[in-house]
Amino acid sequence: MGSSQLDVAIEMARADDHAQAVEQFSLLIEGMLSHEDKITARRWRSVCYGQLGRFAEALSDANWLIDQGCDELHAWRAHLRERMRDFDGAVFDYTYAIADTSDKPDAEQYQLFLKRGHAYFVLRRYADALADFTTALSFADQSSLREAAHIWRGNTYIELDDLKAAAEEFRTAEAIAKGLTP
């Protein structure tokens, strides 16, 4: 089994035929000789499993890939863990991904901090969530992103029982939504 069959499976995945692509990737993984091709197939299969809502299987592939040194997949694994309601695991992986953000664009850093903040929020670690939402705000280059970060900060202030700060965050978010702040 070779790379031409891998290319066909990838095209299935790109065409949103995720179930068929999973079958093809699974057959290829069992029969491939090349370690590099197995990594490629498992990456794609993990994404297809995720698209199918089969998060445990997607996570299994992500775990294998990270064990093989694909450290850039921590954000993907964090996403899967969130979907499976493993917020402690998501925080771990987002933290790993954040530590490796020096060369990532602001939009990606914004997403990592916002998502880890969400996980902290669900875990009721509100001080940590507030810190991440604040950091996300520093990477927000669009008004909609700034608005979302302020809303999450407001929600967090409510949980911290600081209603005055919450109201200020919501007013700021509203002003952004109305185009009244740059």
Protein backbone atom coordinates (compact mmCIF):
# COMPACT_ATOMS: atom_id res chain seq x y z
CA MET A 1 0.00 0.00 0.00
CA GLY A 2 1.44 3.31 -0.97
CA SER A 3 1.12 7.00 -1.03
CA SER A 4 -1.27 7.05 -4.02
CA GLN A 5 -3.86 5.25 -1.88
CA LEU A 6 -3.11 7.70 0.91
CA ASP A 7 -3.74 10.58 -1.50
CA VAL A 8 -7.11 9.06 -2.43
CA ALA A 9 -8.09 8.78 1.24
CA ILE A 10 -7.02 12.39 1.85
CA GLU A 11 -9.19 13.52 -1.07
CA MET A 12 -12.14 11.67 0.47
CA ALA A 13 -11.55 13.54 3.71
CA ARG A 14 -11.28 16.86 1.89
CA ALA A 15 -14.58 16.08 0.13
CA ASP A 16 -16.21 15.60 3.56
CA ASP A 17 -16.66 11.86 3.03
CA HIS A 18 -15.32 11.31 6.52
CA ALA A 19 -16.78 7.85 7.17
CA GLN A 20 -15.31 6.40 3.98
CA ALA A 21 -12.02 8.19 4.60
CA VAL A 22 -11.78 6.68 8.10
CA GLU A 23 -12.18 3.20 6.60
CA GLN A 24 -9.48 3.88 4.02
CA PHE A 25 -7.08 5.42 6.53
CA SER A 26 -7.60 2.47 8.88
CA LEU A 27 -6.77 -0.02 6.14
CA LEU A 28 -3.70 1.97 5.16
CA ILE A 29 -2.47 2.30 8.75
CA GLU A 30 -2.64 -1.47 9.19
CA GLY A 31 -0.70 -2.13 6.00
CA MET A 32 1.70 0.77 5.52
CA LEU A 33 5.41 0.31 5.91
CA SER A 34 6.41 3.95 6.08
CA HIS A 35 6.27 5.53 9.53
CA GLU A 36 5.85 8.96 7.93
CA ASP A 37 2.79 7.76 5.97
CA LYS A 38 1.31 6.29 9.17
CA ILE A 39 1.68 9.68 10.85
CA THR A 40 -0.02 11.41 7.93
CA ALA A 41 -2.84 8.85 7.86
CA ARG A 42 -3.43 9.08 11.61
CA ARG A 43 -3.52 12.89 11.49
CA TRP A 44 -6.19 12.79 8.82
CA ARG A 45 -8.08 9.95 10.50
CA SER A 46 -8.12 11.86 13.79
CA VAL A 47 -9.66 14.87 12.04
CA CYS A 48 -12.22 12.67 10.28
CA TYR A 49 -13.15 10.98 13.55
CA GLY A 50 -13.56 14.43 15.08
CA GLN A 51 -15.82 15.52 12.22
CA LEU A 52 -17.92 12.40 12.78
CA GLY A 53 -18.24 13.14 16.50
CA ARG A 54 -16.21 10.06 17.37
CA PHE A 55 -14.07 11.96 19.83
CA ALA A 56 -12.64 9.00 21.76
CA GLU A 57 -11.22 7.55 18.55
CA ALA A 58 -9.96 10.96 17.43
CA LEU A 59 -8.31 11.34 20.83
CA SER A 60 -6.69 7.93 20.56
CA ASP A 61 -5.04 8.94 17.28
CA ALA A 62 -4.05 12.33 18.73
CA ASN A 63 -2.45 10.61 21.73
CA TRP A 64 -0.49 8.28 19.46
CA LEU A 65 0.66 11.19 17.30
CA ILE A 66 1.80 13.25 20.29
CA ASP A 67 3.66 10.17 21.59
CA GLN A 68 5.40 10.11 18.19
CA GLY A 69 6.61 13.68 18.70
CA CYS A 70 3.85 15.65 16.96
CA ASP A 71 3.77 18.24 19.73
CA GLU A 72 1.97 20.76 17.52
CA LEU A 73 -1.19 18.68 18.02
CA HIS A 74 -1.70 19.65 21.66
CA ALA A 75 -4.28 22.29 20.68
CA TRP A 76 -6.19 19.65 18.67
CA ARG A 77 -6.07 17.22 21.58
CA ALA A 78 -7.23 19.99 23.93
CA HIS A 79 -10.21 20.60 21.64
CA LEU A 80 -11.07 16.90 21.68
CA ARG A 81 -10.75 16.75 25.45
CA GLU A 82 -13.09 19.74 25.77
CA ARG A 83 -15.64 17.99 23.56
CA MET A 84 -15.37 14.98 25.88
CA ARG A 85 -15.77 17.27 28.92
CA ASP A 86 -12.23 16.56 30.17
CA PHE A 87 -11.51 20.17 31.03
CA ASP A 88 -8.47 19.42 33.20
CA GLY A 89 -6.92 17.59 30.25
CA ALA A 90 -7.87 20.47 27.95
CA VAL A 91 -6.15 22.97 30.26
CA PHE A 92 -3.02 20.79 30.23
CA ASP A 93 -2.90 20.68 26.44
CA TYR A 94 -3.79 24.34 25.91
CA THR A 95 -1.03 25.23 28.36
CA TYR A 96 1.42 23.15 26.34
CA ALA A 97 0.24 24.77 23.09
CA ILE A 98 0.46 28.26 24.61
CA ALA A 99 4.03 27.64 25.74
CA ASP A 100 4.88 27.05 22.08
CA THR A 101 3.28 30.18 20.61
CA SER A 102 6.23 32.46 20.00
CA ASP A 103 5.96 32.09 16.22
CA LYS A 104 2.17 31.78 16.01
CA PRO A 105 0.04 34.61 14.61
CA ASP A 106 -1.96 36.76 17.01
CA ALA A 107 -5.26 35.19 15.91
CA GLU A 108 -4.04 31.73 16.90
CA GLN A 109 -2.71 32.97 20.22
CA TYR A 110 -6.04 34.70 20.87
CA GLN A 111 -7.88 31.42 20.27
CA LEU A 112 -5.57 29.42 22.55
CA PHE A 113 -5.94 31.83 25.45
CA LEU A 114 -9.70 32.21 24.95
CA LYS A 115 -10.22 28.45 24.79
CA ARG A 116 -8.07 27.76 27.85
CA GLY A 117 -9.99 30.53 29.60
CA HIS A 118 -13.25 28.72 28.76
CA ALA A 119 -11.88 25.50 30.22
CA TYR A 120 -10.78 27.32 33.38
CA PHE A 121 -14.22 28.95 33.57
CA VAL A 122 -15.97 25.56 33.45
CA LEU A 123 -13.59 24.29 36.13
CA ARG A 124 -14.55 27.34 38.26
CA ARG A 125 -10.97 28.56 38.25
CA TYR A 126 -12.17 32.09 37.69
CA ALA A 127 -8.96 33.97 38.46
CA ASP A 128 -7.15 31.85 35.88
CA ALA A 129 -9.99 32.32 33.40
CA LEU A 130 -9.92 36.09 33.88
CA ALA A 131 -6.16 36.17 33.30
CA ASP A 132 -6.54 34.18 30.06
CA PHE A 133 -9.43 36.30 28.79
CA THR A 134 -7.35 39.40 29.51
CA THR A 135 -4.37 37.96 27.64
CA ALA A 136 -6.63 36.92 24.75
CA LEU A 137 -7.82 40.51 24.57
CA SER A 138 -4.23 41.65 23.98
CA PHE A 139 -4.13 39.48 20.82
CA ALA A 140 -7.57 40.51 19.52
CA ASP A 141 -7.17 42.34 16.24
CA GLN A 142 -10.86 42.46 15.29
CA SER A 143 -13.74 44.14 17.07
CA SER A 144 -15.73 40.90 17.25
CA LEU A 145 -12.82 39.21 19.03
CA ARG A 146 -12.47 42.10 21.49
CA GLU A 147 -16.21 42.01 22.11
CA ALA A 148 -16.15 38.27 22.88
CA ALA A 149 -13.21 38.64 25.28
CA HIS A 150 -14.99 41.45 27.15
CA ILE A 151 -18.17 39.38 27.42
CA TRP A 152 -16.22 36.47 28.86
CA ARG A 153 -14.45 38.82 31.26
CA GLY A 154 -17.87 40.13 32.32
CA ASN A 155 -19.18 36.61 32.89
CA THR A 156 -16.10 35.82 34.93
CA TYR A 157 -16.47 38.94 37.05
CA ILE A 158 -20.03 37.86 37.82
CA GLU A 159 -18.71 34.55 39.13
CA LEU A 160 -16.10 36.47 41.16
CA ASP A 161 -19.00 38.53 42.59
CA ASP A 162 -17.64 41.80 41.21
CA LEU A 163 -20.78 43.13 39.59
CA LYS A 164 -19.37 46.61 39.03
CA ALA A 165 -16.46 45.22 36.97
CA ALA A 166 -18.87 42.88 35.15
CA ALA A 167 -21.13 45.77 34.19
CA GLU A 168 -18.13 47.73 32.88
CA GLU A 169 -17.05 44.77 30.72
CA PHE A 170 -20.55 44.39 29.29
CA ARG A 171 -20.75 48.14 28.56
CA THR A 172 -17.40 47.92 26.76
CA ALA A 173 -18.60 44.91 24.76
CA GLU A 174 -21.79 46.76 23.83
CA ALA A 175 -19.81 49.83 22.73
CA ILE A 176 -17.60 47.64 20.56
CA ALA A 177 -20.66 45.97 19.03
CA LYS A 178 -22.09 49.39 18.18
CA GLY A 179 -18.79 50.47 16.66
CA LEU A 180 -18.24 53.16 19.29
CA THR A 181 -14.73 52.03 20.24
CA PRO A 182 -11.82 51.29 17.94
